[in-house]
Amino acid sequence: MFPLKRTDLLLNQKRSYLTGLIEIANDQYVIYDDMNDELHLLDEIQHSQIEILRSTGWTAGTWIGLGKVKTDIGTYSIHNGDTVRVRKRLPLAFDEMLKELQDETFVRFIKQINALGFSPYDCIYSYNQLMFLENRIHKKGVSFYQLDNEDCICAIQHHFERGVHSSDRLEITTSLGERRLICGIF
């Protein structure tokens, strides 16, 4: 699988965007996420790509500050009440784990968590032991991740081995008692 296919699979996940209404107060532009009842300062969002909902659909652009978004059709001034969305980023440790998985294991993992009602963007905790073993030839350990889709929690243990014999074993358990096991040897 090409990296583009992995990216496509991730980009089409549920809850991959922070979506909300713009509120402007004291020259501060804030995204109000009514789904989670949270406020996000637009200037503090980690990347500058933003999409604005217009009558023709979503228009992509780059946040340039001072209430302005540069789009392919010109500069747009954001107003109070505009609906915008920003692509969420995966936690670094979780993202690195996904990159380490072989293509087949990656697809199976994403399909399994999706079947359980989760998205990779539901990750609320990530600990990747493999990131601490960079300088070793033989790497073996367990990493831990937790996902929360607001209906239940999903715990993931990633047992890994890298070296002459490499393998991944992903144990997935939800708070409702559903379990999945994915194994990959390469």
Protein backbone atom coordinates (compact mmCIF):
# COMPACT_ATOMS: atom_id res chain seq x y z
CA MET A 1 0.00 0.00 0.00
CA PHE A 2 1.29 3.43 -0.83
CA PRO A 3 1.50 6.10 1.89
CA LEU A 4 -1.26 7.93 0.01
CA LYS A 5 -3.69 5.05 0.66
CA ARG A 6 -2.91 5.17 4.39
CA THR A 7 -3.46 8.92 4.36
CA ASP A 8 -6.76 8.53 2.50
CA LEU A 9 -7.93 5.94 5.04
CA LEU A 10 -7.07 8.30 7.92
CA LEU A 11 -8.55 11.40 6.27
CA ASN A 12 -11.93 9.71 5.86
CA GLN A 13 -12.28 8.79 9.53
CA LYS A 14 -15.13 10.00 11.71
CA ARG A 15 -14.28 12.77 14.15
CA SER A 16 -11.14 13.74 12.21
CA TYR A 17 -12.13 17.42 12.28
CA LEU A 18 -12.63 20.01 14.97
CA THR A 19 -15.81 21.71 13.75
CA GLY A 20 -17.45 24.72 15.34
CA LEU A 21 -18.69 28.28 15.15
CA ILE A 22 -16.45 31.32 15.15
CA GLU A 23 -16.84 33.68 18.09
CA ILE A 24 -14.98 36.98 18.07
CA ALA A 25 -14.25 38.78 21.33
CA ASN A 26 -11.56 41.40 21.98
CA ASP A 27 -9.98 40.73 18.57
CA GLN A 28 -9.59 37.06 19.49
CA TYR A 29 -10.96 34.46 17.10
CA VAL A 30 -12.27 31.39 18.88
CA ILE A 31 -13.80 28.18 17.54
CA TYR A 32 -16.69 27.09 19.74
CA ASP A 33 -17.05 23.32 19.54
CA ASP A 34 -20.62 22.85 20.78
CA MET A 35 -20.35 19.06 20.52
CA ASN A 36 -17.71 18.99 23.28
CA ASP A 37 -18.60 22.39 24.77
CA GLU A 38 -15.00 23.60 24.27
CA LEU A 39 -13.38 26.79 23.04
CA HIS A 40 -10.25 26.73 20.86
CA LEU A 41 -8.25 29.88 20.16
CA LEU A 42 -7.74 29.95 16.40
CA ASP A 43 -4.26 31.47 16.69
CA GLU A 44 -3.15 28.54 18.86
CA ILE A 45 -4.26 25.78 16.50
CA GLN A 46 -1.18 23.77 15.59
CA HIS A 47 -1.50 24.22 11.84
CA SER A 48 -2.92 26.98 9.73
CA GLN A 49 -5.19 25.00 7.38
CA ILE A 50 -8.87 25.80 7.91
CA GLU A 51 -12.09 25.18 6.00
CA ILE A 52 -15.06 27.54 5.98
CA LEU A 53 -18.62 26.36 5.33
CA ARG A 54 -20.12 28.43 2.55
CA SER A 55 -23.33 28.00 0.56
CA THR A 56 -21.38 25.99 -2.04
CA GLY A 57 -19.77 23.67 0.55
CA TRP A 58 -16.45 23.64 2.37
CA THR A 59 -13.82 26.10 1.13
CA ALA A 60 -10.23 25.28 2.12
CA GLY A 61 -7.79 28.00 3.01
CA THR A 62 -4.86 29.09 5.13
CA TRP A 63 -5.34 31.08 8.33
CA ILE A 64 -3.20 34.21 7.97
CA GLY A 65 -4.35 35.93 11.15
CA LEU A 66 -6.36 39.04 11.93
CA GLY A 67 -9.57 37.28 10.90
CA LYS A 68 -8.38 36.49 7.38
CA VAL A 69 -8.22 33.19 5.49
CA LYS A 70 -6.44 32.96 2.15
CA THR A 71 -8.32 30.68 -0.26
CA ASP A 72 -7.91 29.79 -3.94
CA ILE A 73 -10.58 32.36 -4.79
CA GLY A 74 -9.15 35.20 -2.68
CA THR A 75 -8.99 36.36 0.91
CA TYR A 76 -12.01 35.71 3.09
CA SER A 77 -12.81 37.63 6.28
CA ILE A 78 -14.15 35.40 9.03
CA HIS A 79 -17.29 36.64 10.77
CA ASN A 80 -19.01 35.86 14.07
CA GLY A 81 -21.09 32.72 13.60
CA ASP A 82 -19.17 31.30 10.61
CA THR A 83 -18.90 27.52 10.68
CA VAL A 84 -15.33 26.32 10.28
CA ARG A 85 -13.44 23.08 10.60
CA VAL A 86 -9.81 22.23 11.22
CA ARG A 87 -8.22 18.83 10.69
CA LYS A 88 -7.29 17.19 14.00
CA ARG A 89 -3.82 15.75 14.51
CA LEU A 90 -3.16 12.35 15.98
CA PRO A 91 -1.10 12.24 19.18
CA LEU A 92 2.57 11.77 18.22
CA ALA A 93 3.03 8.40 19.96
CA PHE A 94 -0.13 6.97 18.36
CA ASP A 95 0.80 8.34 14.93
CA GLU A 96 4.28 6.78 15.19
CA MET A 97 2.76 3.41 16.11
CA LEU A 98 0.50 3.54 13.05
CA LYS A 99 3.47 4.36 10.82
CA GLU A 100 5.36 1.34 12.20
CA LEU A 101 2.61 -1.13 11.28
CA GLN A 102 2.86 -3.13 8.08
CA ASP A 103 0.25 -2.12 5.50
CA GLU A 104 -1.98 -5.17 5.99
CA THR A 105 -1.85 -4.85 9.79
CA PHE A 106 -2.55 -1.11 9.55
CA VAL A 107 -5.69 -1.65 7.44
CA ARG A 108 -6.93 -4.48 9.67
CA PHE A 109 -6.36 -2.36 12.78
CA ILE A 110 -8.25 0.66 11.39
CA LYS A 111 -11.12 -1.55 10.19
CA GLN A 112 -11.37 -3.28 13.58
CA ILE A 113 -11.50 -0.10 15.65
CA ASN A 114 -14.00 1.36 13.15
CA ALA A 115 -16.17 -1.77 13.51
CA LEU A 116 -16.16 -1.16 17.28
CA GLY A 117 -17.35 2.43 16.72
CA PHE A 118 -13.98 4.16 17.18
CA SER A 119 -11.80 6.41 15.08
CA PRO A 120 -8.04 6.92 15.46
CA TYR A 121 -8.96 10.54 16.26
CA ASP A 122 -10.66 9.33 19.46
CA CYS A 123 -7.21 8.72 20.99
CA ILE A 124 -7.02 10.36 24.43
CA TYR A 125 -3.90 8.61 25.78
CA SER A 126 -0.85 7.21 24.05
CA TYR A 127 2.37 5.66 25.30
CA ASN A 128 4.68 4.22 22.64
CA GLN A 129 7.51 2.19 24.19
CA LEU A 130 9.06 1.66 20.76
CA MET A 131 9.93 5.37 20.59
CA PHE A 132 12.29 4.89 23.54
CA LEU A 133 14.18 2.01 21.91
CA GLU A 134 15.53 3.85 18.86
CA ASN A 135 19.19 2.97 19.41
CA ARG A 136 18.67 -0.75 19.93
CA ILE A 137 19.00 -3.39 17.25
CA HIS A 138 16.54 -5.77 18.89
CA LYS A 139 13.41 -4.03 20.18
CA LYS A 140 10.69 -5.70 22.19
CA GLY A 141 7.98 -4.27 24.41
CA VAL A 142 4.40 -3.14 24.86
CA SER A 143 2.78 0.22 24.13
CA PHE A 144 -0.57 1.42 25.48
CA TYR A 145 -3.32 3.55 23.96
CA GLN A 146 -6.83 4.59 24.96
CA LEU A 147 -9.66 5.78 22.74
CA ASP A 148 -12.89 7.46 23.86
CA ASN A 149 -15.84 7.80 21.46
CA GLU A 150 -18.08 9.23 24.24
CA ASP A 151 -20.11 6.00 24.34
CA CYS A 152 -17.36 3.77 25.69
CA ILE A 153 -13.60 3.45 26.14
CA CYS A 154 -11.25 1.28 24.11
CA ALA A 155 -7.92 0.03 25.50
CA ILE A 156 -5.23 -1.05 23.06
CA GLN A 157 -2.06 -2.95 23.90
CA HIS A 158 0.52 -3.09 21.13
CA HIS A 159 2.98 -5.93 21.74
CA PHE A 160 5.86 -5.51 19.31
CA GLU A 161 9.17 -7.03 18.38
CA ARG A 162 11.66 -5.57 15.90
CA GLY A 163 14.89 -7.20 14.81
CA VAL A 164 15.65 -10.50 13.07
CA HIS A 165 12.08 -11.59 13.72
CA SER A 166 9.55 -8.79 13.71
CA SER A 167 5.93 -8.95 14.81
CA ASP A 168 2.97 -6.91 16.00
CA ARG A 169 0.15 -8.09 18.23
CA LEU A 170 -2.66 -5.63 18.90
CA GLU A 171 -5.07 -6.50 21.71
CA ILE A 172 -8.17 -4.33 21.62
CA THR A 173 -10.76 -4.31 24.43
CA THR A 174 -13.73 -1.99 24.90
CA SER A 175 -15.36 -1.06 28.18
CA LEU A 176 -18.43 -2.97 26.94
CA GLY A 177 -16.42 -6.21 26.89
CA GLU A 178 -15.87 -6.50 23.14
CA ARG A 179 -12.42 -7.80 22.19
CA ARG A 180 -10.34 -8.05 19.04
CA LEU A 181 -6.89 -9.47 18.34
CA ILE A 182 -4.71 -8.61 15.36
CA CYS A 183 -1.38 -10.34 14.72
CA GLY A 184 1.19 -9.55 12.07
CA ILE A 185 4.54 -11.26 11.52
CA PHE A 186 7.04 -9.99 8.98
